[in-house]
């Protein structure tokens, strides 16, 4: 699954609208998703991602999500009112959007709150006491009418504790959480209603 990681400079070469509103955020991870389709199928990718429960992945991944949930509840990491983006006055990237990028409706039910969407990019954010994080779904042209999904994660940690927290969880994200999520994502894409199942794009290991 490591082969799915995309170098940060390669990801940054693409013309993402997120770059305009989150230039002060650091790209933590970029992944090529095991998902391909037509240009007009990007809304299906977004819908699939919004309905995905990453805590329902592999056994180790479920354990890590459960641990994070318990720690967050015990230490109050997720109980704070909406905090400003670190080093800024805005509490959301929605406040930075240019006039041609209308903000999406927010919801308290999802882990990430939607920010904006285009025909090839969808962005949402999460804010807690450790970090302000942004998740980006992209649809990248592969040639011959084929497009491939891309996942980017950008962060601004909150102070020294947030930086230490991001360093501490990095190995778990790369070795357990993201590989499990990509396998779950790829299988869900293949099993969409009305689509013929294909060979598993994400075999174990």
N, C-alpha and C. Protein backbone atom coordinates (compact mmCIF):
# COMPACT_ATOMS: atom_id res chain seq x y z
N UNK A 1 0.83 -1.21 0.00
CA UNK A 1 0.00 0.00 0.00
C UNK A 1 0.86 1.26 0.00
N UNK A 2 2.14 1.13 0.39
CA UNK A 2 3.04 2.28 0.38
C UNK A 2 3.18 2.86 -1.03
N UNK A 3 2.99 2.00 -2.05
CA UNK A 3 3.11 2.48 -3.43
C UNK A 3 2.04 3.53 -3.75
N UNK A 4 0.99 3.60 -2.97
CA UNK A 4 -0.08 4.56 -3.21
C UNK A 4 0.25 5.96 -2.69
N UNK A 5 1.31 6.09 -1.90
CA UNK A 5 1.68 7.42 -1.40
C UNK A 5 2.21 8.27 -2.53
N UNK A 6 1.86 9.54 -2.51
CA UNK A 6 2.27 10.49 -3.54
C UNK A 6 3.20 11.52 -2.91
N UNK A 7 4.37 11.78 -3.50
CA UNK A 7 5.26 12.81 -2.95
C UNK A 7 4.56 14.16 -2.87
N UNK A 8 4.85 14.91 -1.82
CA UNK A 8 4.18 16.19 -1.59
C UNK A 8 4.39 17.15 -2.76
N UNK A 9 5.62 17.21 -3.31
CA UNK A 9 5.86 18.15 -4.40
C UNK A 9 5.09 17.75 -5.66
N UNK A 10 4.91 16.45 -5.88
CA UNK A 10 4.12 16.01 -7.03
C UNK A 10 2.65 16.38 -6.87
N UNK A 11 2.13 16.21 -5.66
CA UNK A 11 0.73 16.58 -5.40
C UNK A 11 0.54 18.09 -5.56
N UNK A 12 1.51 18.86 -5.11
CA UNK A 12 1.40 20.32 -5.14
C UNK A 12 1.46 20.88 -6.56
N UNK A 13 1.98 20.12 -7.52
CA UNK A 13 2.08 20.60 -8.89
C UNK A 13 0.71 20.74 -9.56
N UNK A 14 -0.28 20.03 -9.05
CA UNK A 14 -1.61 20.09 -9.63
C UNK A 14 -2.31 21.39 -9.22
N UNK A 15 -3.23 21.84 -10.05
CA UNK A 15 -3.87 23.14 -9.82
C UNK A 15 -5.06 22.99 -8.86
N UNK A 16 -4.75 22.87 -7.58
CA UNK A 16 -5.80 22.73 -6.57
C UNK A 16 -6.30 24.10 -6.13
N UNK A 17 -7.61 24.26 -6.02
CA UNK A 17 -8.16 25.51 -5.49
C UNK A 17 -7.84 25.64 -4.00
N UNK A 18 -7.66 24.52 -3.32
CA UNK A 18 -7.34 24.57 -1.89
C UNK A 18 -6.09 25.39 -1.64
N UNK A 19 -5.15 25.36 -2.58
CA UNK A 19 -3.90 26.10 -2.41
C UNK A 19 -4.16 27.59 -2.19
N UNK A 20 -5.23 28.10 -2.77
CA UNK A 20 -5.55 29.53 -2.65
C UNK A 20 -6.02 29.90 -1.25
N UNK A 21 -6.67 28.97 -0.57
CA UNK A 21 -7.28 29.30 0.73
C UNK A 21 -6.56 28.67 1.91
N UNK A 22 -5.61 27.80 1.66
CA UNK A 22 -4.91 27.12 2.76
C UNK A 22 -3.41 27.09 2.53
N UNK A 23 -2.87 28.21 2.04
CA UNK A 23 -1.44 28.27 1.76
C UNK A 23 -0.60 28.13 3.02
N UNK A 24 -1.18 28.43 4.18
CA UNK A 24 -0.45 28.34 5.45
C UNK A 24 -0.56 26.97 6.10
N UNK A 25 -1.24 26.02 5.45
CA UNK A 25 -1.35 24.66 5.97
C UNK A 25 -0.26 23.78 5.36
N UNK A 26 0.15 22.77 6.12
CA UNK A 26 1.19 21.84 5.65
C UNK A 26 0.55 20.58 5.10
N UNK A 27 1.00 20.14 3.93
CA UNK A 27 0.52 18.88 3.38
C UNK A 27 1.18 17.73 4.14
N UNK A 28 0.39 17.03 4.95
CA UNK A 28 0.91 15.92 5.73
C UNK A 28 1.04 14.65 4.89
N UNK A 29 0.01 14.35 4.12
CA UNK A 29 -0.03 13.11 3.37
C UNK A 29 -0.79 13.31 2.07
N UNK A 30 -0.36 12.62 1.03
CA UNK A 30 -1.10 12.56 -0.23
C UNK A 30 -1.08 11.11 -0.71
N UNK A 31 -2.24 10.63 -1.10
CA UNK A 31 -2.39 9.24 -1.51
C UNK A 31 -3.16 9.15 -2.82
N UNK A 32 -2.70 8.28 -3.72
CA UNK A 32 -3.46 7.93 -4.91
C UNK A 32 -4.44 6.84 -4.52
N UNK A 33 -5.71 7.12 -4.66
CA UNK A 33 -6.73 6.15 -4.25
C UNK A 33 -6.84 5.01 -5.28
N UNK A 34 -7.18 3.81 -4.82
CA UNK A 34 -7.38 2.68 -5.74
C UNK A 34 -8.74 2.77 -6.41
N UNK A 35 -9.01 3.94 -6.99
CA UNK A 35 -10.33 4.24 -7.56
C UNK A 35 -10.14 4.96 -8.88
N UNK A 36 -10.72 4.42 -9.94
CA UNK A 36 -10.70 5.06 -11.24
C UNK A 36 -12.11 5.12 -11.81
N UNK A 37 -12.34 6.09 -12.66
CA UNK A 37 -13.67 6.22 -13.26
C UNK A 37 -13.69 7.29 -14.33
N UNK A 38 -14.88 7.64 -14.76
CA UNK A 38 -15.06 8.70 -15.75
C UNK A 38 -15.05 10.07 -15.06
N UNK A 39 -14.88 11.09 -15.84
CA UNK A 39 -14.83 12.44 -15.26
C UNK A 39 -16.10 12.76 -14.49
N UNK A 40 -17.26 12.33 -15.01
CA UNK A 40 -18.53 12.69 -14.38
C UNK A 40 -18.86 11.85 -13.15
N UNK A 41 -17.96 10.94 -12.76
CA UNK A 41 -18.22 10.09 -11.59
C UNK A 41 -17.65 10.66 -10.30
N UNK A 42 -17.04 11.84 -10.37
CA UNK A 42 -16.46 12.42 -9.15
C UNK A 42 -17.49 12.63 -8.04
N UNK A 43 -18.72 13.09 -8.33
CA UNK A 43 -19.70 13.22 -7.25
C UNK A 43 -19.97 11.89 -6.53
N UNK A 44 -19.88 10.77 -7.25
CA UNK A 44 -20.05 9.47 -6.60
C UNK A 44 -18.91 9.19 -5.63
N UNK A 45 -17.70 9.61 -6.02
CA UNK A 45 -16.55 9.44 -5.13
C UNK A 45 -16.74 10.23 -3.84
N UNK A 46 -17.21 11.47 -3.97
CA UNK A 46 -17.44 12.32 -2.79
C UNK A 46 -18.52 11.69 -1.91
N UNK A 47 -19.60 11.26 -2.52
CA UNK A 47 -20.69 10.65 -1.75
C UNK A 47 -20.21 9.41 -1.00
N UNK A 48 -19.37 8.62 -1.66
CA UNK A 48 -18.84 7.42 -1.04
C UNK A 48 -17.96 7.78 0.16
N UNK A 49 -17.12 8.81 -0.02
CA UNK A 49 -16.22 9.21 1.06
C UNK A 49 -16.99 9.74 2.25
N UNK A 50 -18.01 10.56 2.00
CA UNK A 50 -18.81 11.14 3.09
C UNK A 50 -19.48 10.05 3.90
N UNK A 51 -19.90 8.96 3.24
CA UNK A 51 -20.57 7.88 3.94
C UNK A 51 -19.64 6.83 4.51
N UNK A 52 -18.32 6.98 4.27
CA UNK A 52 -17.35 6.00 4.75
C UNK A 52 -17.12 6.15 6.25
N UNK A 53 -17.05 5.03 6.94
CA UNK A 53 -16.73 5.03 8.37
C UNK A 53 -15.34 4.44 8.54
N UNK A 54 -14.29 5.28 8.63
CA UNK A 54 -12.92 4.76 8.72
C UNK A 54 -12.69 3.92 9.96
N UNK A 55 -13.51 4.10 10.99
CA UNK A 55 -13.34 3.31 12.21
C UNK A 55 -13.85 1.89 12.04
N UNK A 56 -14.45 1.60 10.88
CA UNK A 56 -14.96 0.26 10.61
C UNK A 56 -14.00 -0.54 9.72
N UNK A 57 -12.75 -0.11 9.65
CA UNK A 57 -11.75 -0.78 8.83
C UNK A 57 -11.21 -2.04 9.47
N UNK A 58 -9.90 -2.24 9.36
CA UNK A 58 -9.27 -3.43 9.90
C UNK A 58 -9.32 -3.42 11.42
N UNK A 59 -9.03 -4.58 12.03
CA UNK A 59 -9.03 -4.67 13.49
C UNK A 59 -8.11 -3.66 14.15
N UNK A 60 -6.82 -3.57 13.75
CA UNK A 60 -5.93 -2.57 14.35
C UNK A 60 -6.42 -1.14 14.13
N UNK A 61 -6.98 -0.87 12.95
CA UNK A 61 -7.48 0.47 12.68
C UNK A 61 -8.66 0.81 13.58
N UNK A 62 -9.57 -0.15 13.76
CA UNK A 62 -10.71 0.08 14.66
C UNK A 62 -10.24 0.34 16.08
N UNK A 63 -9.23 -0.39 16.51
CA UNK A 63 -8.70 -0.21 17.87
C UNK A 63 -8.11 1.19 18.04
N UNK A 64 -7.38 1.68 17.01
CA UNK A 64 -6.78 3.00 17.10
C UNK A 64 -7.84 4.10 17.13
N UNK A 65 -8.90 3.94 16.33
CA UNK A 65 -9.97 4.93 16.34
C UNK A 65 -10.68 4.93 17.69
N UNK A 66 -10.89 3.74 18.26
CA UNK A 66 -11.55 3.65 19.56
C UNK A 66 -10.68 4.29 20.64
N UNK A 67 -9.37 4.06 20.57
CA UNK A 67 -8.45 4.66 21.54
C UNK A 67 -8.48 6.18 21.43
N UNK A 68 -8.45 6.69 20.19
CA UNK A 68 -8.48 8.14 20.00
C UNK A 68 -9.79 8.74 20.53
N UNK A 69 -10.90 8.04 20.31
CA UNK A 69 -12.18 8.52 20.80
C UNK A 69 -12.21 8.59 22.32
N UNK A 70 -11.70 7.55 22.97
CA UNK A 70 -11.68 7.53 24.44
C UNK A 70 -10.76 8.62 24.99
N UNK A 71 -9.57 8.78 24.39
CA UNK A 71 -8.64 9.82 24.85
C UNK A 71 -9.25 11.21 24.65
N UNK A 72 -9.89 11.40 23.49
CA UNK A 72 -10.51 12.70 23.22
C UNK A 72 -11.59 13.03 24.22
N UNK A 73 -12.39 12.01 24.59
CA UNK A 73 -13.46 12.23 25.56
C UNK A 73 -12.88 12.48 26.95
N UNK A 74 -11.86 11.71 27.31
CA UNK A 74 -11.27 11.81 28.64
C UNK A 74 -10.53 13.13 28.83
N UNK A 75 -9.77 13.55 27.79
CA UNK A 75 -8.95 14.76 27.90
C UNK A 75 -9.65 16.01 27.36
N UNK A 76 -10.85 15.84 26.82
CA UNK A 76 -11.61 16.98 26.33
C UNK A 76 -11.08 17.59 25.05
N UNK A 77 -10.34 16.82 24.24
CA UNK A 77 -9.78 17.35 23.00
C UNK A 77 -10.85 17.81 22.02
N UNK A 78 -12.01 17.17 22.05
CA UNK A 78 -13.04 17.46 21.05
C UNK A 78 -14.21 18.24 21.63
N UNK A 79 -14.06 18.72 22.86
CA UNK A 79 -15.17 19.39 23.54
C UNK A 79 -15.15 20.90 23.41
N UNK A 80 -14.05 21.45 22.90
CA UNK A 80 -13.92 22.91 22.85
C UNK A 80 -14.87 23.51 21.82
N UNK A 81 -15.34 24.73 22.05
CA UNK A 81 -16.07 25.43 21.00
C UNK A 81 -15.15 25.64 19.80
N UNK A 82 -15.71 26.01 18.67
CA UNK A 82 -14.89 26.17 17.46
C UNK A 82 -13.73 27.13 17.74
N UNK A 83 -12.53 26.63 17.55
CA UNK A 83 -11.32 27.41 17.82
C UNK A 83 -10.83 28.09 16.56
N UNK A 84 -10.10 29.21 16.71
CA UNK A 84 -9.51 29.84 15.52
C UNK A 84 -8.47 28.91 14.89
N UNK A 85 -8.31 29.04 13.59
CA UNK A 85 -7.21 28.35 12.92
C UNK A 85 -5.92 28.83 13.56
N UNK A 86 -4.99 27.94 13.93
CA UNK A 86 -3.77 28.38 14.62
C UNK A 86 -3.07 29.53 13.90
N UNK A 87 -2.81 30.59 14.66
CA UNK A 87 -2.12 31.76 14.12
C UNK A 87 -3.01 32.70 13.32
N UNK A 88 -4.32 32.47 13.32
CA UNK A 88 -5.25 33.27 12.50
C UNK A 88 -6.46 33.68 13.33
N UNK A 89 -7.26 34.57 12.76
CA UNK A 89 -8.50 34.97 13.43
C UNK A 89 -9.69 34.15 12.96
N UNK A 90 -9.61 33.59 11.74
CA UNK A 90 -10.74 32.80 11.21
C UNK A 90 -10.87 31.48 11.97
N UNK A 91 -12.09 31.02 12.09
CA UNK A 91 -12.33 29.72 12.70
C UNK A 91 -12.53 28.63 11.64
N UNK A 92 -12.69 29.03 10.38
CA UNK A 92 -12.95 28.07 9.31
C UNK A 92 -12.39 28.59 7.99
N UNK A 93 -11.98 27.67 7.13
CA UNK A 93 -11.55 28.06 5.78
C UNK A 93 -12.70 28.64 4.98
N UNK A 94 -13.91 28.38 5.40
CA UNK A 94 -15.08 28.94 4.71
C UNK A 94 -15.02 30.47 4.69
N UNK A 95 -14.38 31.05 5.72
CA UNK A 95 -14.28 32.50 5.80
C UNK A 95 -13.26 33.06 4.81
N UNK A 96 -12.47 32.21 4.19
CA UNK A 96 -11.44 32.67 3.25
C UNK A 96 -11.83 32.47 1.79
N UNK A 97 -12.96 31.86 1.52
CA UNK A 97 -13.29 31.47 0.16
C UNK A 97 -13.50 32.67 -0.75
N UNK A 98 -12.95 32.62 -1.97
CA UNK A 98 -13.23 33.69 -2.94
C UNK A 98 -14.68 33.60 -3.42
N UNK A 99 -15.12 34.63 -4.10
CA UNK A 99 -16.53 34.72 -4.47
C UNK A 99 -16.99 33.61 -5.42
N UNK A 100 -16.06 33.03 -6.19
CA UNK A 100 -16.46 31.99 -7.13
C UNK A 100 -16.44 30.59 -6.51
N UNK A 101 -16.17 30.51 -5.22
CA UNK A 101 -16.21 29.23 -4.51
C UNK A 101 -17.24 29.32 -3.39
N UNK A 102 -18.51 29.10 -3.68
CA UNK A 102 -19.53 29.17 -2.63
C UNK A 102 -19.33 28.09 -1.59
N UNK A 103 -19.49 28.42 -0.30
CA UNK A 103 -19.31 27.40 0.75
C UNK A 103 -20.41 26.35 0.72
N UNK A 104 -20.04 25.15 1.08
CA UNK A 104 -21.00 24.06 1.19
C UNK A 104 -21.72 24.13 2.53
N UNK A 105 -22.89 23.53 2.59
CA UNK A 105 -23.62 23.46 3.86
C UNK A 105 -22.86 22.58 4.83
N UNK A 106 -22.84 22.99 6.09
CA UNK A 106 -22.13 22.22 7.10
C UNK A 106 -23.10 21.26 7.78
N UNK A 107 -22.51 20.27 8.44
CA UNK A 107 -23.31 19.31 9.21
C UNK A 107 -22.51 18.90 10.43
N UNK A 108 -23.21 18.72 11.53
CA UNK A 108 -22.55 18.29 12.77
C UNK A 108 -22.43 16.77 12.85
N UNK A 109 -23.07 16.08 11.90
CA UNK A 109 -23.10 14.61 11.98
C UNK A 109 -21.81 13.99 11.50
N UNK A 110 -21.13 14.63 10.53
CA UNK A 110 -19.93 14.05 9.94
C UNK A 110 -18.69 14.45 10.73
N UNK A 111 -17.63 13.62 10.59
CA UNK A 111 -16.36 13.91 11.26
C UNK A 111 -15.76 15.20 10.72
N UNK A 112 -15.83 15.38 9.38
CA UNK A 112 -15.29 16.57 8.74
C UNK A 112 -16.44 17.45 8.25
N UNK A 113 -16.26 18.76 8.35
CA UNK A 113 -17.28 19.71 7.93
C UNK A 113 -16.95 20.20 6.52
N UNK A 114 -17.85 20.04 5.54
CA UNK A 114 -17.56 20.44 4.17
C UNK A 114 -17.24 21.94 4.05
N UNK A 115 -16.33 22.27 3.14
CA UNK A 115 -15.93 23.66 2.91
C UNK A 115 -16.35 24.12 1.51
N UNK A 116 -15.84 23.45 0.46
CA UNK A 116 -16.23 23.81 -0.90
C UNK A 116 -16.03 22.61 -1.82
N UNK A 117 -16.57 22.72 -3.02
CA UNK A 117 -16.43 21.65 -4.01
C UNK A 117 -16.38 22.25 -5.40
N UNK A 118 -15.60 21.61 -6.29
CA UNK A 118 -15.60 21.93 -7.72
C UNK A 118 -15.87 20.62 -8.46
N UNK A 119 -15.72 20.63 -9.77
CA UNK A 119 -15.96 19.42 -10.54
C UNK A 119 -14.88 18.37 -10.33
N UNK A 120 -13.73 18.75 -9.76
CA UNK A 120 -12.64 17.80 -9.56
C UNK A 120 -12.00 17.89 -8.17
N UNK A 121 -12.62 18.61 -7.25
CA UNK A 121 -12.02 18.79 -5.92
C UNK A 121 -13.12 19.00 -4.89
N UNK A 122 -12.95 18.35 -3.74
CA UNK A 122 -13.89 18.50 -2.62
C UNK A 122 -13.05 18.63 -1.35
N UNK A 123 -13.38 19.62 -0.52
CA UNK A 123 -12.57 19.94 0.65
C UNK A 123 -13.46 20.03 1.89
N UNK A 124 -12.97 19.46 2.99
CA UNK A 124 -13.66 19.54 4.28
C UNK A 124 -12.62 19.74 5.37
N UNK A 125 -13.07 20.14 6.57
CA UNK A 125 -12.12 20.45 7.64
C UNK A 125 -12.60 19.89 8.97
N UNK A 126 -11.63 19.79 9.88
CA UNK A 126 -11.89 19.32 11.24
C UNK A 126 -11.05 20.17 12.18
N UNK A 127 -11.66 20.58 13.29
CA UNK A 127 -10.94 21.40 14.26
C UNK A 127 -11.14 20.83 15.65
N UNK A 128 -10.03 20.64 16.38
CA UNK A 128 -10.11 20.22 17.77
C UNK A 128 -8.95 20.84 18.54
N UNK A 129 -8.72 20.38 19.74
CA UNK A 129 -7.71 21.00 20.60
C UNK A 129 -6.28 20.65 20.21
N UNK A 130 -6.10 19.72 19.28
CA UNK A 130 -4.74 19.33 18.88
C UNK A 130 -4.35 19.89 17.52
N UNK A 131 -5.32 20.07 16.62
CA UNK A 131 -4.97 20.42 15.24
C UNK A 131 -6.19 20.97 14.50
N UNK A 132 -5.92 21.77 13.50
CA UNK A 132 -6.95 22.10 12.50
C UNK A 132 -6.53 21.36 11.24
N UNK A 133 -7.36 20.43 10.79
CA UNK A 133 -7.00 19.56 9.68
C UNK A 133 -7.95 19.76 8.51
N UNK A 134 -7.43 19.55 7.32
CA UNK A 134 -8.22 19.68 6.10
C UNK A 134 -8.03 18.41 5.28
N UNK A 135 -9.14 17.84 4.83
CA UNK A 135 -9.08 16.67 3.95
C UNK A 135 -9.55 17.10 2.57
N UNK A 136 -8.83 16.63 1.56
CA UNK A 136 -9.09 17.01 0.18
C UNK A 136 -9.24 15.76 -0.68
N UNK A 137 -10.35 15.67 -1.38
CA UNK A 137 -10.54 14.64 -2.40
C UNK A 137 -10.32 15.29 -3.76
N UNK A 138 -9.54 14.64 -4.60
CA UNK A 138 -9.30 15.16 -5.94
C UNK A 138 -9.60 14.12 -6.99
N UNK A 139 -9.81 14.57 -8.20
CA UNK A 139 -10.09 13.71 -9.35
C UNK A 139 -9.06 14.09 -10.41
N UNK A 140 -8.10 13.21 -10.67
CA UNK A 140 -6.93 13.54 -11.49
C UNK A 140 -7.00 12.80 -12.82
N UNK A 141 -6.86 13.53 -13.92
CA UNK A 141 -6.93 12.94 -15.26
C UNK A 141 -5.76 11.99 -15.48
N UNK A 142 -6.06 10.82 -16.03
CA UNK A 142 -5.05 9.81 -16.32
C UNK A 142 -4.84 9.61 -17.82
N UNK A 143 -5.64 10.27 -18.63
CA UNK A 143 -5.57 10.08 -20.06
C UNK A 143 -6.60 9.07 -20.54
N UNK A 144 -6.95 9.16 -21.81
CA UNK A 144 -7.90 8.25 -22.44
C UNK A 144 -9.24 8.22 -21.70
N UNK A 145 -9.65 9.38 -21.19
CA UNK A 145 -10.95 9.48 -20.55
C UNK A 145 -11.04 8.88 -19.16
N UNK A 146 -9.91 8.48 -18.57
CA UNK A 146 -9.93 7.88 -17.24
C UNK A 146 -9.43 8.89 -16.21
N UNK A 147 -10.03 8.82 -15.02
CA UNK A 147 -9.67 9.70 -13.91
C UNK A 147 -9.40 8.85 -12.67
N UNK A 148 -8.53 9.34 -11.78
CA UNK A 148 -8.20 8.58 -10.57
C UNK A 148 -8.35 9.47 -9.34
N UNK A 149 -8.83 8.86 -8.26
CA UNK A 149 -9.02 9.59 -7.02
C UNK A 149 -7.71 9.90 -6.33
N UNK A 150 -7.68 11.02 -5.64
CA UNK A 150 -6.50 11.45 -4.88
C UNK A 150 -6.99 11.96 -3.53
N UNK A 151 -6.26 11.65 -2.48
CA UNK A 151 -6.58 12.10 -1.13
C UNK A 151 -5.41 12.91 -0.59
N UNK A 152 -5.69 14.13 -0.13
CA UNK A 152 -4.68 14.96 0.51
C UNK A 152 -5.13 15.34 1.91
N UNK A 153 -4.20 15.37 2.85
CA UNK A 153 -4.49 15.77 4.22
C UNK A 153 -3.52 16.88 4.61
N UNK A 154 -4.08 18.03 5.00
CA UNK A 154 -3.29 19.20 5.37
C UNK A 154 -3.57 19.55 6.83
N UNK A 155 -2.56 20.06 7.53
CA UNK A 155 -2.75 20.36 8.96
C UNK A 155 -2.06 21.64 9.39
N UNK A 156 -2.60 22.21 10.49
CA UNK A 156 -1.92 23.23 11.28
C UNK A 156 -2.06 22.81 12.74
N UNK A 157 -1.00 22.27 13.34
CA UNK A 157 -1.08 21.83 14.74
C UNK A 157 -1.25 23.03 15.67
N UNK A 158 -1.81 22.75 16.86
CA UNK A 158 -2.00 23.79 17.87
C UNK A 158 -0.84 23.73 18.86
N UNK A 159 0.16 24.58 18.63
CA UNK A 159 1.27 24.70 19.56
C UNK A 159 2.16 23.47 19.59
N UNK A 160 3.01 23.42 20.63
CA UNK A 160 3.98 22.34 20.73
C UNK A 160 3.30 20.99 20.95
N UNK A 161 2.19 20.99 21.70
CA UNK A 161 1.51 19.72 21.95
C UNK A 161 0.93 19.15 20.65
N UNK A 162 0.34 20.02 19.83
CA UNK A 162 -0.20 19.57 18.56
C UNK A 162 0.88 19.01 17.65
N UNK A 163 2.05 19.65 17.65
CA UNK A 163 3.15 19.16 16.81
C UNK A 163 3.64 17.79 17.29
N UNK A 164 3.77 17.64 18.62
CA UNK A 164 4.18 16.34 19.17
C UNK A 164 3.14 15.27 18.88
N UNK A 165 1.88 15.65 18.97
CA UNK A 165 0.79 14.69 18.70
C UNK A 165 0.86 14.20 17.26
N UNK A 166 1.05 15.12 16.31
CA UNK A 166 1.13 14.72 14.90
C UNK A 166 2.34 13.83 14.65
N UNK A 167 3.46 14.12 15.29
CA UNK A 167 4.65 13.26 15.14
C UNK A 167 4.40 11.88 15.71
N UNK A 168 3.72 11.83 16.86
CA UNK A 168 3.49 10.55 17.53
C UNK A 168 2.58 9.63 16.74
N UNK A 169 1.58 10.20 16.06
CA UNK A 169 0.62 9.34 15.37
C UNK A 169 1.01 9.05 13.93
N UNK A 170 2.07 9.69 13.42
CA UNK A 170 2.46 9.51 12.02
C UNK A 170 2.68 8.05 11.65
N UNK A 171 3.44 7.26 12.43
CA UNK A 171 3.65 5.86 12.03
C UNK A 171 2.34 5.07 11.98
N UNK A 172 1.43 5.35 12.90
CA UNK A 172 0.16 4.63 12.91
C UNK A 172 -0.70 5.02 11.71
N UNK A 173 -0.67 6.31 11.33
CA UNK A 173 -1.41 6.73 10.14
C UNK A 173 -0.90 6.03 8.89
N UNK A 174 0.42 6.01 8.72
CA UNK A 174 1.01 5.49 7.49
C UNK A 174 0.97 3.97 7.40
N UNK A 175 1.13 3.29 8.53
CA UNK A 175 1.23 1.83 8.50
C UNK A 175 -0.10 1.11 8.72
N UNK A 176 -1.05 1.78 9.37
CA UNK A 176 -2.30 1.10 9.73
C UNK A 176 -3.53 1.82 9.20
N UNK A 177 -3.70 3.09 9.59
CA UNK A 177 -4.96 3.78 9.33
C UNK A 177 -5.20 3.99 7.84
N UNK A 178 -4.24 4.63 7.14
CA UNK A 178 -4.46 4.91 5.73
C UNK A 178 -4.55 3.65 4.87
N UNK A 179 -3.66 2.66 5.05
CA UNK A 179 -3.81 1.44 4.25
C UNK A 179 -5.17 0.77 4.44
N UNK A 180 -5.66 0.72 5.69
CA UNK A 180 -6.98 0.11 5.93
C UNK A 180 -8.08 0.93 5.27
N UNK A 181 -7.98 2.25 5.34
CA UNK A 181 -9.00 3.12 4.75
C UNK A 181 -9.00 3.00 3.23
N UNK A 182 -7.81 2.94 2.61
CA UNK A 182 -7.74 2.82 1.16
C UNK A 182 -8.32 1.49 0.69
N UNK A 183 -8.06 0.41 1.42
CA UNK A 183 -8.65 -0.87 1.04
C UNK A 183 -10.18 -0.81 1.16
N UNK A 184 -10.66 -0.23 2.25
CA UNK A 184 -12.10 -0.10 2.46
C UNK A 184 -12.73 0.76 1.36
N UNK A 185 -12.07 1.85 1.02
CA UNK A 185 -12.54 2.77 0.01
C UNK A 185 -12.61 2.09 -1.37
N UNK A 186 -11.52 1.40 -1.72
CA UNK A 186 -11.46 0.75 -3.03
C UNK A 186 -12.52 -0.32 -3.19
N UNK A 187 -12.75 -1.11 -2.15
CA UNK A 187 -13.75 -2.17 -2.22
C UNK A 187 -15.16 -1.59 -2.32
N UNK A 188 -15.40 -0.51 -1.58
CA UNK A 188 -16.72 0.13 -1.64
C UNK A 188 -16.98 0.69 -3.04
N UNK A 189 -15.96 1.22 -3.68
CA UNK A 189 -16.10 1.76 -5.04
C UNK A 189 -16.48 0.65 -6.03
N UNK A 190 -15.83 -0.50 -5.89
CA UNK A 190 -16.12 -1.62 -6.79
C UNK A 190 -17.51 -2.19 -6.57
N UNK A 191 -18.04 -2.05 -5.38
CA UNK A 191 -19.32 -2.67 -5.04
C UNK A 191 -20.50 -1.71 -5.15
N UNK A 192 -20.29 -0.57 -5.79
CA UNK A 192 -21.40 0.38 -5.94
C UNK A 192 -22.56 -0.27 -6.68
N UNK A 193 -23.79 0.06 -6.32
CA UNK A 193 -24.95 -0.47 -7.05
C UNK A 193 -24.88 -0.12 -8.53
N UNK A 194 -25.14 -1.11 -9.37
CA UNK A 194 -25.14 -0.87 -10.81
C UNK A 194 -23.79 -0.99 -11.46
N UNK A 195 -22.75 -1.38 -10.69
CA UNK A 195 -21.42 -1.53 -11.25
C UNK A 195 -20.97 -2.98 -11.08
N UNK A 196 -20.37 -3.52 -12.12
CA UNK A 196 -19.89 -4.89 -12.07
C UNK A 196 -18.70 -4.99 -11.14
N UNK A 197 -18.72 -5.91 -10.15
CA UNK A 197 -17.55 -6.09 -9.29
C UNK A 197 -16.35 -6.53 -10.11
N UNK A 198 -15.20 -5.98 -9.77
CA UNK A 198 -13.96 -6.37 -10.44
C UNK A 198 -13.03 -7.02 -9.43
N UNK A 199 -11.86 -7.38 -9.89
CA UNK A 199 -10.87 -7.94 -9.00
C UNK A 199 -10.58 -6.94 -7.88
N UNK A 200 -10.44 -7.45 -6.66
CA UNK A 200 -10.19 -6.59 -5.51
C UNK A 200 -8.99 -5.69 -5.79
N UNK A 201 -9.18 -4.33 -5.82
CA UNK A 201 -8.06 -3.43 -6.12
C UNK A 201 -7.09 -3.28 -4.96
N UNK A 202 -7.48 -3.77 -3.80
CA UNK A 202 -6.65 -3.59 -2.60
C UNK A 202 -6.48 -4.91 -1.86
N UNK A 203 -5.75 -5.85 -2.41
CA UNK A 203 -5.56 -7.11 -1.69
C UNK A 203 -4.83 -6.87 -0.40
N UNK A 204 -5.10 -7.72 0.58
CA UNK A 204 -4.46 -7.57 1.89
C UNK A 204 -2.96 -7.61 1.71
N UNK A 205 -2.26 -6.76 2.52
CA UNK A 205 -0.82 -6.70 2.47
C UNK A 205 -0.31 -5.73 1.47
